[in-house]
Amino acid sequence: MKTFLALLLVLLGLLAALQYKLWYGSGGQEEVVALKAQVELQRAENARLQARNDALAAEVADLKSGGEAVEERARSELGLVKPGETFYRVIDGNAAASPSPEASAPAADGTHP
């Protein structure tokens, strides 16, 4: 009977040690929950980056396939115009009336213009 009781106590101690390792040890439940949250964050970031890559790939394909996209970019980003066209810039009246920041800032040598 004493050996049975001793064996039972040893087995219960082993069970307690294994449960402790499962819940609180390295690779335990706490760490698993944290890693699952980290995986979800990474999946969301990957989805965002994949959408960005898809948009860039579509833009590249558009630029390679047709001249209209190239012309549109040249006009908007570089301000290019075709021969015979006249370029007009329309300025908002409110923006023109307000002083520019450069006009009110002192010069580099500390003097005012």
C-alpha atoms as a PDB file:
ATOM      1  CA  MET A   1       0.000   0.000   0.000  1.00  0.00           C
ATOM      2  CA  LYS A   2       2.868   2.372   0.789  1.00  0.00           C
ATOM      3  CA  THR A   3       4.458   1.780  -2.618  1.00  0.00           C
ATOM      4  CA  PHE A   4       1.147   2.442  -4.331  1.00  0.00           C
ATOM      5  CA  LEU A   5       0.748   5.708  -2.433  1.00  0.00           C
ATOM      6  CA  ALA A   6       4.360   6.714  -3.204  1.00  0.00           C
ATOM      7  CA  LEU A   7       3.857   5.887  -6.896  1.00  0.00           C
ATOM      8  CA  LEU A   8       0.621   7.891  -6.922  1.00  0.00           C
ATOM      9  CA  LEU A   9       2.385  10.909  -5.339  1.00  0.00           C
ATOM     10  CA  VAL A  10       5.227  10.680  -7.870  1.00  0.00           C
ATOM     11  CA  LEU A  11       2.745  10.520 -10.747  1.00  0.00           C
ATOM     12  CA  LEU A  12       0.768  13.482  -9.371  1.00  0.00           C
ATOM     13  CA  GLY A  13       3.994  15.481  -8.981  1.00  0.00           C
ATOM     14  CA  LEU A  14       4.963  14.638 -12.566  1.00  0.00           C
ATOM     15  CA  LEU A  15       1.510  15.655 -13.770  1.00  0.00           C
ATOM     16  CA  ALA A  16       1.765  18.956 -11.876  1.00  0.00           C
ATOM     17  CA  ALA A  17       5.214  19.629 -13.365  1.00  0.00           C
ATOM     18  CA  LEU A  18       3.955  18.923 -16.895  1.00  0.00           C
ATOM     19  CA  GLN A  19       0.909  21.147 -16.396  1.00  0.00           C
ATOM     20  CA  TYR A  20       3.116  23.945 -15.108  1.00  0.00           C
ATOM     21  CA  LYS A  21       5.338  23.651 -18.192  1.00  0.00           C
ATOM     22  CA  LEU A  22       2.269  23.605 -20.466  1.00  0.00           C
ATOM     23  CA  TRP A  23       0.764  26.786 -19.040  1.00  0.00           C
ATOM     24  CA  TYR A  24       3.750  28.846 -17.908  1.00  0.00           C
ATOM     25  CA  GLY A  25       6.906  27.375 -19.455  1.00  0.00           C
ATOM     26  CA  SER A  26       8.677  28.135 -22.699  1.00  0.00           C
ATOM     27  CA  GLY A  27       6.263  27.471 -25.562  1.00  0.00           C
ATOM     28  CA  GLY A  28       3.335  27.544 -23.148  1.00  0.00           C
ATOM     29  CA  GLN A  29      -0.177  28.834 -23.714  1.00  0.00           C
ATOM     30  CA  GLU A  30       0.738  32.462 -23.041  1.00  0.00           C
ATOM     31  CA  GLU A  31       3.381  32.392 -25.737  1.00  0.00           C
ATOM     32  CA  VAL A  32       1.039  30.625 -28.164  1.00  0.00           C
ATOM     33  CA  VAL A  33      -1.601  33.324 -27.738  1.00  0.00           C
ATOM     34  CA  ALA A  34       0.993  36.061 -28.267  1.00  0.00           C
ATOM     35  CA  LEU A  35       2.330  34.353 -31.391  1.00  0.00           C
ATOM     36  CA  LYS A  36      -1.187  33.956 -32.823  1.00  0.00           C
ATOM     37  CA  ALA A  37      -1.783  37.685 -32.390  1.00  0.00           C
ATOM     38  CA  GLN A  38       1.542  38.421 -34.060  1.00  0.00           C
ATOM     39  CA  VAL A  39       0.639  36.144 -36.986  1.00  0.00           C
ATOM     40  CA  GLU A  40      -2.672  37.971 -37.471  1.00  0.00           C
ATOM     41  CA  LEU A  41      -0.902  41.342 -37.502  1.00  0.00           C
ATOM     42  CA  GLN A  42       1.576  40.040 -40.073  1.00  0.00           C
ATOM     43  CA  ARG A  43      -1.257  38.671 -42.245  1.00  0.00           C
ATOM     44  CA  ALA A  44      -2.970  42.075 -42.228  1.00  0.00           C
ATOM     45  CA  GLU A  45       0.308  43.781 -43.163  1.00  0.00           C
ATOM     46  CA  ASN A  46       0.906  41.236 -45.938  1.00  0.00           C
ATOM     47  CA  ALA A  47      -2.587  41.833 -47.332  1.00  0.00           C
ATOM     48  CA  ARG A  48      -1.999  45.602 -47.343  1.00  0.00           C
ATOM     49  CA  LEU A  49       1.349  45.203 -49.092  1.00  0.00           C
ATOM     50  CA  GLN A  50      -0.107  42.731 -51.610  1.00  0.00           C
ATOM     51  CA  ALA A  51      -2.833  45.241 -52.527  1.00  0.00           C
ATOM     52  CA  ARG A  52      -0.156  47.909 -53.000  1.00  0.00           C
ATOM     53  CA  ASN A  53       1.931  45.567 -55.149  1.00  0.00           C
ATOM     54  CA  ASP A  54      -1.110  44.685 -57.262  1.00  0.00           C
ATOM     55  CA  ALA A  55      -1.843  48.375 -57.843  1.00  0.00           C
ATOM     56  CA  LEU A  56       1.771  49.034 -58.826  1.00  0.00           C
ATOM     57  CA  ALA A  57       1.791  46.020 -61.161  1.00  0.00           C
ATOM     58  CA  ALA A  58      -1.391  47.293 -62.834  1.00  0.00           C
ATOM     59  CA  GLU A  59       0.165  50.730 -63.248  1.00  0.00           C
ATOM     60  CA  VAL A  60       3.322  49.228 -64.778  1.00  0.00           C
ATOM     61  CA  ALA A  61       1.245  47.128 -67.180  1.00  0.00           C
ATOM     62  CA  ASP A  62      -0.755  50.227 -68.142  1.00  0.00           C
ATOM     63  CA  LEU A  63       2.415  52.231 -68.772  1.00  0.00           C
ATOM     64  CA  LYS A  64       3.894  49.426 -70.890  1.00  0.00           C
ATOM     65  CA  SER A  65       0.771  48.801 -72.950  1.00  0.00           C
ATOM     66  CA  GLY A  66      -0.401  52.246 -74.018  1.00  0.00           C
ATOM     67  CA  GLY A  67       0.823  55.705 -74.737  1.00  0.00           C
ATOM     68  CA  GLU A  68      -2.074  57.437 -72.997  1.00  0.00           C
ATOM     69  CA  ALA A  69      -0.850  56.582 -69.518  1.00  0.00           C
ATOM     70  CA  VAL A  70       2.670  57.756 -70.359  1.00  0.00           C
ATOM     71  CA  GLU A  71       1.305  60.984 -71.815  1.00  0.00           C
ATOM     72  CA  GLU A  72      -0.882  61.572 -68.774  1.00  0.00           C
ATOM     73  CA  ARG A  73       2.074  61.133 -66.406  1.00  0.00           C
ATOM     74  CA  ALA A  74       4.282  63.389 -68.528  1.00  0.00           C
ATOM     75  CA  ARG A  75       1.636  66.100 -68.479  1.00  0.00           C
ATOM     76  CA  SER A  76       0.820  65.882 -64.764  1.00  0.00           C
ATOM     77  CA  GLU A  77       4.265  65.231 -63.282  1.00  0.00           C
ATOM     78  CA  LEU A  78       6.548  67.015 -65.734  1.00  0.00           C
ATOM     79  CA  GLY A  79       4.211  69.724 -67.029  1.00  0.00           C
ATOM     80  CA  LEU A  80       4.841  68.820 -70.661  1.00  0.00           C
ATOM     81  CA  VAL A  81       2.632  70.152 -73.464  1.00  0.00           C
ATOM     82  CA  LYS A  82       2.278  69.085 -77.091  1.00  0.00           C
ATOM     83  CA  PRO A  83       3.537  71.320 -79.914  1.00  0.00           C
ATOM     84  CA  GLY A  84       0.878  73.869 -80.814  1.00  0.00           C
ATOM     85  CA  GLU A  85      -0.834  73.692 -77.410  1.00  0.00           C
ATOM     86  CA  THR A  86      -1.000  76.646 -75.034  1.00  0.00           C
ATOM     87  CA  PHE A  87      -0.522  76.029 -71.340  1.00  0.00           C
ATOM     88  CA  TYR A  88      -2.734  78.010 -68.952  1.00  0.00           C
ATOM     89  CA  ARG A  89      -2.318  77.952 -65.177  1.00  0.00           C
ATOM     90  CA  VAL A  90      -5.384  78.967 -63.174  1.00  0.00           C
ATOM     91  CA  ILE A  91      -4.595  80.379 -59.739  1.00  0.00           C
ATOM     92  CA  ASP A  92      -7.199  80.566 -57.003  1.00  0.00           C
ATOM     93  CA  GLY A  93      -7.902  84.196 -56.075  1.00  0.00           C
ATOM     94  CA  ASN A  94      -7.684  83.498 -52.322  1.00  0.00           C
ATOM     95  CA  ALA A  95      -4.299  81.832 -52.663  1.00  0.00           C
ATOM     96  CA  ALA A  96      -2.947  84.735 -54.725  1.00  0.00           C
ATOM     97  CA  ALA A  97      -4.068  87.335 -52.143  1.00  0.00           C
ATOM     98  CA  SER A  98      -2.305  85.728 -49.185  1.00  0.00           C
ATOM     99  CA  PRO A  99       1.411  86.493 -48.774  1.00  0.00           C
ATOM    100  CA  SER A 100       3.818  83.663 -49.410  1.00  0.00           C
ATOM    101  CA  PRO A 101       5.911  82.340 -46.493  1.00  0.00           C
ATOM    102  CA  GLU A 102       9.127  83.283 -48.299  1.00  0.00           C
ATOM    103  CA  ALA A 103       8.114  86.962 -48.477  1.00  0.00           C
ATOM    104  CA  SER A 104       7.622  87.281 -44.709  1.00  0.00           C
ATOM    105  CA  ALA A 105      10.641  85.194 -43.651  1.00  0.00           C
ATOM    106  CA  PRO A 106      13.884  87.034 -42.833  1.00  0.00           C
ATOM    107  CA  ALA A 107      16.808  86.522 -45.178  1.00  0.00           C
ATOM    108  CA  ALA A 108      19.635  84.165 -44.263  1.00  0.00           C
ATOM    109  CA  ASP A 109      21.874  87.069 -43.190  1.00  0.00           C
ATOM    110  CA  GLY A 110      19.204  88.308 -40.763  1.00  0.00           C
ATOM    111  CA  THR A 111      18.057  91.308 -42.822  1.00  0.00           C
ATOM    112  CA  HIS A 112      14.529  91.844 -44.106  1.00  0.00           C
ATOM    113  CA  PRO A 113      13.941  92.355 -47.826  1.00  0.00           C
END
